Amino acid sequence: MDSPVTDLMTSPVRTTSPETPVTEAARVLTDHGIGSLVVGEERIEGIVTESDVVAGVAEGVALAETPVSALMSDPVVTIDPTASVRVAGERMGRNNVKKLPVARNGEAIGIVTTTDLARLVPKNAIRMTRQPEPDIEKGEFE
């Protein structure tokens, strides 16, 4: 968990412009099986997620005419590429975010998601020998 976040991130990160219609952004999310797009091709301006699109649908937003800038989150919680995976996980937890762009000089170079962290956990699980508890009969244990 102390490895650099660059070992875990997905790169390149998918981006879109703030003017992109929400329906087009939703199509990109679906076609690529991803949960977010960083808004801003050279500098991070925001992030639009599946949840943002769903919230827009729930609010009755005209998605074909609405730019992603109307639904995106801003400011965006980011992390430096030299930070550790542990720091990334802590930052995501503290800020209640599921997508964490990895940024260098304001530009997204990758992204870390809760799915990425979930894939990492089994690789780092502590293996313990199972010991029967004293009150369990016939060697059975939970």
N, C-alpha and C. Protein backbone atom coordinates (compact mmCIF):
# COMPACT_ATOMS: atom_id res chain seq x y z
N MET A 1 0.81 -1.20 0.00
CA MET A 1 0.00 0.00 0.00
C MET A 1 0.86 1.27 0.00
N ASP A 2 2.15 1.10 0.18
CA ASP A 2 3.03 2.25 0.14
C ASP A 2 3.64 2.46 -1.23
N SER A 3 3.19 1.69 -2.22
CA SER A 3 3.69 1.88 -3.58
C SER A 3 3.11 3.18 -4.15
N PRO A 4 3.76 3.74 -5.16
CA PRO A 4 3.26 5.00 -5.71
C PRO A 4 1.92 4.81 -6.42
N VAL A 5 1.12 5.83 -6.37
CA VAL A 5 -0.21 5.80 -6.97
C VAL A 5 -0.13 5.52 -8.48
N THR A 6 0.99 5.84 -9.09
CA THR A 6 1.16 5.59 -10.53
C THR A 6 1.14 4.09 -10.84
N ASP A 7 1.46 3.24 -9.84
CA ASP A 7 1.40 1.79 -10.04
C ASP A 7 -0.04 1.28 -10.12
N LEU A 8 -0.97 2.03 -9.58
CA LEU A 8 -2.36 1.61 -9.48
C LEU A 8 -3.28 2.33 -10.47
N MET A 9 -2.92 3.52 -10.85
CA MET A 9 -3.81 4.35 -11.66
C MET A 9 -4.05 3.79 -13.06
N THR A 10 -5.18 4.18 -13.63
CA THR A 10 -5.49 3.89 -15.02
C THR A 10 -5.03 5.09 -15.83
N SER A 11 -4.30 4.82 -16.89
CA SER A 11 -3.79 5.89 -17.73
C SER A 11 -3.75 5.39 -19.17
N PRO A 12 -4.07 6.22 -20.12
CA PRO A 12 -4.48 7.62 -19.98
C PRO A 12 -5.90 7.71 -19.45
N VAL A 13 -6.21 8.85 -18.88
CA VAL A 13 -7.53 9.11 -18.35
C VAL A 13 -8.39 9.72 -19.46
N ARG A 14 -9.66 9.35 -19.48
CA ARG A 14 -10.58 9.91 -20.49
C ARG A 14 -11.01 11.30 -20.04
N THR A 15 -10.98 12.23 -21.00
CA THR A 15 -11.36 13.61 -20.71
C THR A 15 -12.44 14.06 -21.68
N THR A 16 -13.05 15.17 -21.34
CA THR A 16 -14.04 15.79 -22.21
C THR A 16 -14.00 17.30 -21.98
N SER A 17 -14.55 18.04 -22.92
CA SER A 17 -14.60 19.49 -22.75
C SER A 17 -15.84 19.87 -21.95
N PRO A 18 -15.83 21.03 -21.31
CA PRO A 18 -16.99 21.46 -20.51
C PRO A 18 -18.26 21.62 -21.35
N GLU A 19 -18.12 21.86 -22.65
CA GLU A 19 -19.27 22.09 -23.51
C GLU A 19 -19.91 20.80 -24.03
N THR A 20 -19.29 19.66 -23.81
CA THR A 20 -19.82 18.39 -24.30
C THR A 20 -21.22 18.15 -23.74
N PRO A 21 -22.19 17.82 -24.60
CA PRO A 21 -23.52 17.50 -24.08
C PRO A 21 -23.48 16.27 -23.17
N VAL A 22 -24.30 16.28 -22.14
CA VAL A 22 -24.32 15.18 -21.19
C VAL A 22 -24.60 13.85 -21.88
N THR A 23 -25.49 13.84 -22.88
CA THR A 23 -25.79 12.58 -23.58
C THR A 23 -24.55 12.01 -24.26
N GLU A 24 -23.72 12.87 -24.81
CA GLU A 24 -22.48 12.40 -25.45
C GLU A 24 -21.51 11.85 -24.40
N ALA A 25 -21.40 12.53 -23.28
CA ALA A 25 -20.54 12.06 -22.20
C ALA A 25 -21.04 10.72 -21.67
N ALA A 26 -22.35 10.57 -21.53
CA ALA A 26 -22.92 9.31 -21.06
C ALA A 26 -22.62 8.18 -22.04
N ARG A 27 -22.63 8.48 -23.32
CA ARG A 27 -22.31 7.46 -24.33
C ARG A 27 -20.85 7.02 -24.18
N VAL A 28 -19.95 7.95 -23.94
CA VAL A 28 -18.54 7.61 -23.75
C VAL A 28 -18.38 6.73 -22.50
N LEU A 29 -19.05 7.09 -21.42
CA LEU A 29 -18.98 6.29 -20.20
C LEU A 29 -19.43 4.86 -20.47
N THR A 30 -20.54 4.73 -21.17
CA THR A 30 -21.10 3.41 -21.47
C THR A 30 -20.21 2.63 -22.42
N ASP A 31 -19.80 3.26 -23.51
CA ASP A 31 -19.00 2.57 -24.53
C ASP A 31 -17.67 2.07 -23.98
N HIS A 32 -17.10 2.79 -23.02
CA HIS A 32 -15.78 2.43 -22.49
C HIS A 32 -15.86 1.74 -21.14
N GLY A 33 -17.06 1.57 -20.60
CA GLY A 33 -17.22 0.88 -19.32
C GLY A 33 -16.51 1.58 -18.18
N ILE A 34 -16.61 2.90 -18.17
CA ILE A 34 -15.95 3.69 -17.12
C ILE A 34 -17.00 4.49 -16.34
N GLY A 35 -16.61 5.00 -15.21
CA GLY A 35 -17.55 5.70 -14.34
C GLY A 35 -17.40 7.19 -14.28
N SER A 36 -16.39 7.74 -14.98
CA SER A 36 -16.20 9.19 -14.91
C SER A 36 -15.38 9.70 -16.08
N LEU A 37 -15.54 10.99 -16.32
CA LEU A 37 -14.72 11.70 -17.30
C LEU A 37 -14.17 12.94 -16.62
N VAL A 38 -12.88 13.17 -16.77
CA VAL A 38 -12.30 14.41 -16.28
C VAL A 38 -12.68 15.50 -17.28
N VAL A 39 -13.17 16.60 -16.78
CA VAL A 39 -13.58 17.71 -17.63
C VAL A 39 -12.40 18.67 -17.75
N GLY A 40 -12.00 18.93 -19.00
CA GLY A 40 -10.85 19.78 -19.27
C GLY A 40 -9.73 18.95 -19.86
N GLU A 41 -9.38 19.22 -21.10
CA GLU A 41 -8.38 18.38 -21.76
C GLU A 41 -6.94 18.70 -21.35
N GLU A 42 -6.66 19.96 -21.05
CA GLU A 42 -5.28 20.31 -20.66
C GLU A 42 -5.16 20.63 -19.18
N ARG A 43 -6.20 21.14 -18.60
CA ARG A 43 -6.21 21.47 -17.18
C ARG A 43 -7.53 20.99 -16.60
N ILE A 44 -7.48 20.36 -15.45
CA ILE A 44 -8.69 19.83 -14.83
C ILE A 44 -9.61 20.98 -14.42
N GLU A 45 -10.82 20.94 -14.98
CA GLU A 45 -11.83 21.95 -14.64
C GLU A 45 -12.93 21.35 -13.76
N GLY A 46 -13.09 20.03 -13.84
CA GLY A 46 -14.13 19.35 -13.08
C GLY A 46 -14.09 17.87 -13.37
N ILE A 47 -15.07 17.15 -12.87
CA ILE A 47 -15.22 15.72 -13.15
C ILE A 47 -16.71 15.43 -13.22
N VAL A 48 -17.11 14.64 -14.20
CA VAL A 48 -18.51 14.23 -14.32
C VAL A 48 -18.55 12.72 -14.19
N THR A 49 -19.45 12.24 -13.35
CA THR A 49 -19.54 10.81 -13.05
C THR A 49 -20.90 10.25 -13.45
N GLU A 50 -20.98 8.92 -13.42
CA GLU A 50 -22.26 8.25 -13.66
C GLU A 50 -23.31 8.80 -12.70
N SER A 51 -22.94 9.00 -11.46
CA SER A 51 -23.88 9.51 -10.46
C SER A 51 -24.38 10.90 -10.82
N ASP A 52 -23.52 11.73 -11.40
CA ASP A 52 -23.95 13.07 -11.83
C ASP A 52 -25.00 12.96 -12.93
N VAL A 53 -24.78 12.04 -13.87
CA VAL A 53 -25.72 11.84 -14.97
C VAL A 53 -27.06 11.35 -14.42
N VAL A 54 -27.02 10.38 -13.50
CA VAL A 54 -28.25 9.86 -12.90
C VAL A 54 -28.98 10.97 -12.15
N ALA A 55 -28.25 11.80 -11.43
CA ALA A 55 -28.88 12.91 -10.71
C ALA A 55 -29.54 13.88 -11.71
N GLY A 56 -28.89 14.11 -12.85
CA GLY A 56 -29.47 14.96 -13.87
C GLY A 56 -30.77 14.39 -14.42
N VAL A 57 -30.81 13.07 -14.62
CA VAL A 57 -32.03 12.41 -15.08
C VAL A 57 -33.13 12.58 -14.03
N ALA A 58 -32.78 12.36 -12.77
CA ALA A 58 -33.76 12.47 -11.68
C ALA A 58 -34.33 13.89 -11.57
N GLU A 59 -33.51 14.89 -11.89
CA GLU A 59 -33.95 16.28 -11.82
C GLU A 59 -34.68 16.73 -13.08
N GLY A 60 -34.73 15.85 -14.09
CA GLY A 60 -35.43 16.20 -15.32
C GLY A 60 -34.64 17.12 -16.23
N VAL A 61 -33.33 17.12 -16.11
CA VAL A 61 -32.47 17.96 -16.94
C VAL A 61 -32.56 17.49 -18.39
N ALA A 62 -32.62 18.42 -19.33
CA ALA A 62 -32.61 18.09 -20.76
C ALA A 62 -31.18 17.73 -21.14
N LEU A 63 -30.85 16.45 -21.04
CA LEU A 63 -29.47 15.99 -21.16
C LEU A 63 -28.84 16.27 -22.52
N ALA A 64 -29.61 16.24 -23.59
CA ALA A 64 -29.06 16.48 -24.92
C ALA A 64 -28.62 17.93 -25.10
N GLU A 65 -29.26 18.83 -24.37
CA GLU A 65 -28.93 20.26 -24.49
C GLU A 65 -28.05 20.78 -23.36
N THR A 66 -27.82 19.96 -22.37
CA THR A 66 -27.08 20.40 -21.19
C THR A 66 -25.61 20.02 -21.30
N PRO A 67 -24.71 20.99 -21.10
CA PRO A 67 -23.27 20.66 -21.13
C PRO A 67 -22.85 19.99 -19.82
N VAL A 68 -21.81 19.18 -19.88
CA VAL A 68 -21.34 18.49 -18.67
C VAL A 68 -20.94 19.48 -17.58
N SER A 69 -20.57 20.69 -17.97
CA SER A 69 -20.18 21.69 -16.96
C SER A 69 -21.32 22.00 -15.99
N ALA A 70 -22.57 21.76 -16.42
CA ALA A 70 -23.72 22.02 -15.55
C ALA A 70 -23.88 20.94 -14.49
N LEU A 71 -23.33 19.76 -14.73
CA LEU A 71 -23.48 18.65 -13.78
C LEU A 71 -22.19 18.26 -13.07
N MET A 72 -21.06 18.72 -13.59
CA MET A 72 -19.77 18.27 -13.06
C MET A 72 -19.52 18.75 -11.64
N SER A 73 -18.65 18.03 -10.95
CA SER A 73 -18.18 18.44 -9.62
C SER A 73 -16.97 19.33 -9.81
N ASP A 74 -16.92 20.39 -9.05
CA ASP A 74 -15.81 21.33 -9.11
C ASP A 74 -15.78 22.09 -7.79
N PRO A 75 -14.67 22.21 -7.12
CA PRO A 75 -13.33 21.76 -7.49
C PRO A 75 -13.20 20.24 -7.35
N VAL A 76 -12.15 19.72 -7.96
CA VAL A 76 -11.91 18.29 -7.99
C VAL A 76 -10.81 17.92 -7.01
N VAL A 77 -11.05 16.89 -6.21
CA VAL A 77 -10.02 16.35 -5.33
C VAL A 77 -9.07 15.56 -6.22
N THR A 78 -7.77 15.86 -6.14
CA THR A 78 -6.77 15.18 -6.96
C THR A 78 -5.64 14.68 -6.07
N ILE A 79 -4.70 13.99 -6.70
CA ILE A 79 -3.51 13.53 -5.97
C ILE A 79 -2.29 13.64 -6.88
N ASP A 80 -1.16 13.89 -6.30
CA ASP A 80 0.10 13.99 -7.02
C ASP A 80 0.59 12.59 -7.38
N PRO A 81 1.22 12.42 -8.54
CA PRO A 81 1.68 11.09 -8.95
C PRO A 81 2.74 10.48 -8.03
N THR A 82 3.40 11.28 -7.21
CA THR A 82 4.42 10.74 -6.31
C THR A 82 3.84 10.24 -4.99
N ALA A 83 2.55 10.50 -4.76
CA ALA A 83 1.91 10.07 -3.51
C ALA A 83 1.72 8.56 -3.50
N SER A 84 1.55 8.01 -2.31
CA SER A 84 1.39 6.56 -2.18
C SER A 84 -0.08 6.15 -2.35
N VAL A 85 -0.27 4.88 -2.62
CA VAL A 85 -1.61 4.32 -2.73
C VAL A 85 -2.35 4.51 -1.41
N ARG A 86 -1.66 4.35 -0.31
CA ARG A 86 -2.27 4.55 1.01
C ARG A 86 -2.82 5.97 1.14
N VAL A 87 -2.04 6.95 0.74
CA VAL A 87 -2.48 8.34 0.81
C VAL A 87 -3.70 8.56 -0.10
N ALA A 88 -3.68 7.93 -1.27
CA ALA A 88 -4.82 8.04 -2.19
C ALA A 88 -6.09 7.50 -1.54
N GLY A 89 -6.00 6.32 -0.94
CA GLY A 89 -7.16 5.74 -0.27
C GLY A 89 -7.66 6.60 0.87
N GLU A 90 -6.74 7.14 1.66
CA GLU A 90 -7.12 8.01 2.76
C GLU A 90 -7.80 9.28 2.25
N ARG A 91 -7.26 9.85 1.18
CA ARG A 91 -7.83 11.08 0.61
C ARG A 91 -9.24 10.82 0.07
N MET A 92 -9.41 9.68 -0.60
CA MET A 92 -10.73 9.34 -1.14
C MET A 92 -11.74 9.18 0.00
N GLY A 93 -11.33 8.50 1.07
CA GLY A 93 -12.21 8.30 2.21
C GLY A 93 -12.57 9.59 2.91
N ARG A 94 -11.58 10.43 3.17
CA ARG A 94 -11.83 11.70 3.85
C ARG A 94 -12.74 12.62 3.05
N ASN A 95 -12.62 12.58 1.73
CA ASN A 95 -13.38 13.49 0.87
C ASN A 95 -14.62 12.85 0.26
N ASN A 96 -14.88 11.57 0.62
CA ASN A 96 -16.04 10.85 0.13
C ASN A 96 -16.15 10.88 -1.40
N VAL A 97 -15.02 10.57 -2.07
CA VAL A 97 -15.00 10.50 -3.53
C VAL A 97 -14.63 9.10 -3.97
N LYS A 98 -15.18 8.69 -5.11
CA LYS A 98 -14.91 7.35 -5.64
C LYS A 98 -13.93 7.39 -6.81
N LYS A 99 -13.68 8.58 -7.33
CA LYS A 99 -12.77 8.78 -8.46
C LYS A 99 -11.76 9.85 -8.06
N LEU A 100 -10.49 9.54 -8.23
CA LEU A 100 -9.43 10.45 -7.80
C LEU A 100 -8.44 10.66 -8.95
N PRO A 101 -8.57 11.78 -9.68
CA PRO A 101 -7.61 12.03 -10.76
C PRO A 101 -6.20 12.22 -10.21
N VAL A 102 -5.24 11.67 -10.93
CA VAL A 102 -3.83 11.85 -10.61
C VAL A 102 -3.38 13.01 -11.50
N ALA A 103 -2.88 14.08 -10.87
CA ALA A 103 -2.60 15.30 -11.62
C ALA A 103 -1.15 15.74 -11.48
N ARG A 104 -0.62 16.20 -12.61
CA ARG A 104 0.71 16.80 -12.64
C ARG A 104 0.56 18.18 -13.27
N ASN A 105 0.89 19.22 -12.53
CA ASN A 105 0.76 20.60 -13.00
C ASN A 105 -0.64 20.91 -13.51
N GLY A 106 -1.65 20.39 -12.81
CA GLY A 106 -3.03 20.68 -13.16
C GLY A 106 -3.61 19.83 -14.27
N GLU A 107 -2.80 18.95 -14.86
CA GLU A 107 -3.28 18.10 -15.95
C GLU A 107 -3.47 16.67 -15.43
N ALA A 108 -4.58 16.05 -15.81
CA ALA A 108 -4.86 14.67 -15.40
C ALA A 108 -3.98 13.72 -16.20
N ILE A 109 -3.19 12.92 -15.49
CA ILE A 109 -2.35 11.93 -16.17
C ILE A 109 -2.83 10.50 -15.91
N GLY A 110 -3.81 10.38 -15.03
CA GLY A 110 -4.36 9.08 -14.69
C GLY A 110 -5.51 9.26 -13.72
N ILE A 111 -6.07 8.14 -13.30
CA ILE A 111 -7.17 8.19 -12.33
C ILE A 111 -7.14 6.92 -11.48
N VAL A 112 -7.45 7.07 -10.21
CA VAL A 112 -7.57 5.95 -9.28
C VAL A 112 -9.03 5.91 -8.83
N THR A 113 -9.61 4.71 -8.83
CA THR A 113 -11.00 4.56 -8.43
C THR A 113 -11.11 3.59 -7.26
N THR A 114 -12.28 3.57 -6.65
CA THR A 114 -12.50 2.62 -5.57
C THR A 114 -12.37 1.19 -6.09
N THR A 115 -12.70 0.96 -7.35
CA THR A 115 -12.53 -0.37 -7.94
C THR A 115 -11.06 -0.74 -7.98
N ASP A 116 -10.20 0.21 -8.34
CA ASP A 116 -8.76 -0.05 -8.34
C ASP A 116 -8.28 -0.44 -6.95
N LEU A 117 -8.77 0.27 -5.94
CA LEU A 117 -8.37 -0.04 -4.55
C LEU A 117 -8.89 -1.41 -4.13
N ALA A 118 -10.11 -1.75 -4.55
CA ALA A 118 -10.69 -3.04 -4.20
C ALA A 118 -9.88 -4.19 -4.81
N ARG A 119 -9.37 -3.99 -6.01
CA ARG A 119 -8.54 -5.02 -6.64
C ARG A 119 -7.22 -5.20 -5.90
N LEU A 120 -6.75 -4.15 -5.28
CA LEU A 120 -5.47 -4.18 -4.58
C LEU A 120 -5.57 -4.90 -3.24
N VAL A 121 -6.69 -4.78 -2.56
CA VAL A 121 -6.83 -5.32 -1.20
C VAL A 121 -6.52 -6.81 -1.11
N PRO A 122 -7.09 -7.68 -1.99
CA PRO A 122 -6.77 -9.11 -1.85
C PRO A 122 -5.28 -9.43 -2.00
N LYS A 123 -4.57 -8.63 -2.79
CA LYS A 123 -3.15 -8.86 -2.97
C LYS A 123 -2.35 -8.56 -1.71
N ASN A 124 -2.93 -7.72 -0.85
CA ASN A 124 -2.23 -7.30 0.35
C ASN A 124 -2.87 -7.84 1.63
N ALA A 125 -3.79 -8.77 1.50
CA ALA A 125 -4.46 -9.32 2.68
C ALA A 125 -3.47 -10.08 3.55
N ILE A 126 -3.64 -9.96 4.81
CA ILE A 126 -2.79 -10.69 5.76
C ILE A 126 -3.37 -12.09 5.90
N ARG A 127 -2.55 -13.08 5.68
CA ARG A 127 -2.98 -14.46 5.79
C ARG A 127 -2.82 -14.92 7.24
N MET A 128 -3.90 -15.41 7.79
CA MET A 128 -3.86 -15.88 9.17
C MET A 128 -4.26 -17.35 9.20
N THR A 129 -3.62 -18.11 10.06
CA THR A 129 -3.98 -19.50 10.25
C THR A 129 -5.29 -19.54 11.02
N ARG A 130 -6.22 -20.33 10.50
CA ARG A 130 -7.50 -20.44 11.18
C ARG A 130 -7.34 -21.31 12.42
N GLN A 131 -7.80 -20.84 13.51
CA GLN A 131 -7.71 -21.55 14.79
C GLN A 131 -9.13 -21.77 15.31
N PRO A 132 -9.46 -23.01 15.67
CA PRO A 132 -10.79 -23.23 16.25
C PRO A 132 -10.90 -22.53 17.60
N GLU A 133 -12.07 -22.01 17.85
CA GLU A 133 -12.32 -21.38 19.14
C GLU A 133 -12.64 -22.46 20.16
N PRO A 134 -12.32 -22.24 21.44
CA PRO A 134 -12.48 -23.27 22.46
C PRO A 134 -13.90 -23.81 22.59
N ASP A 135 -14.92 -23.03 22.30
CA ASP A 135 -16.29 -23.47 22.51
C ASP A 135 -16.89 -24.17 21.28
N ILE A 136 -16.11 -24.36 20.24
CA ILE A 136 -16.61 -24.99 19.02
C ILE A 136 -16.30 -26.48 19.09
N GLU A 137 -17.33 -27.30 18.85
CA GLU A 137 -17.18 -28.75 18.96
C GLU A 137 -16.65 -29.35 17.67
N LYS A 138 -16.01 -30.49 17.79
CA LYS A 138 -15.57 -31.32 16.69
C LYS A 138 -14.66 -30.59 15.70
N GLY A 139 -13.94 -29.59 16.13
CA GLY A 139 -12.99 -28.92 15.27
C GLY A 139 -13.63 -27.99 14.23
N GLU A 140 -14.92 -27.76 14.33
CA GLU A 140 -15.56 -26.84 13.39
C GLU A 140 -15.29 -25.41 13.82
N PHE A 141 -15.14 -24.56 12.85
CA PHE A 141 -14.95 -23.16 13.15
C PHE A 141 -15.51 -22.31 12.04
N GLU A 142 -15.76 -21.06 12.37
CA GLU A 142 -16.40 -20.14 11.42
C GLU A 142 -15.45 -19.66 10.39
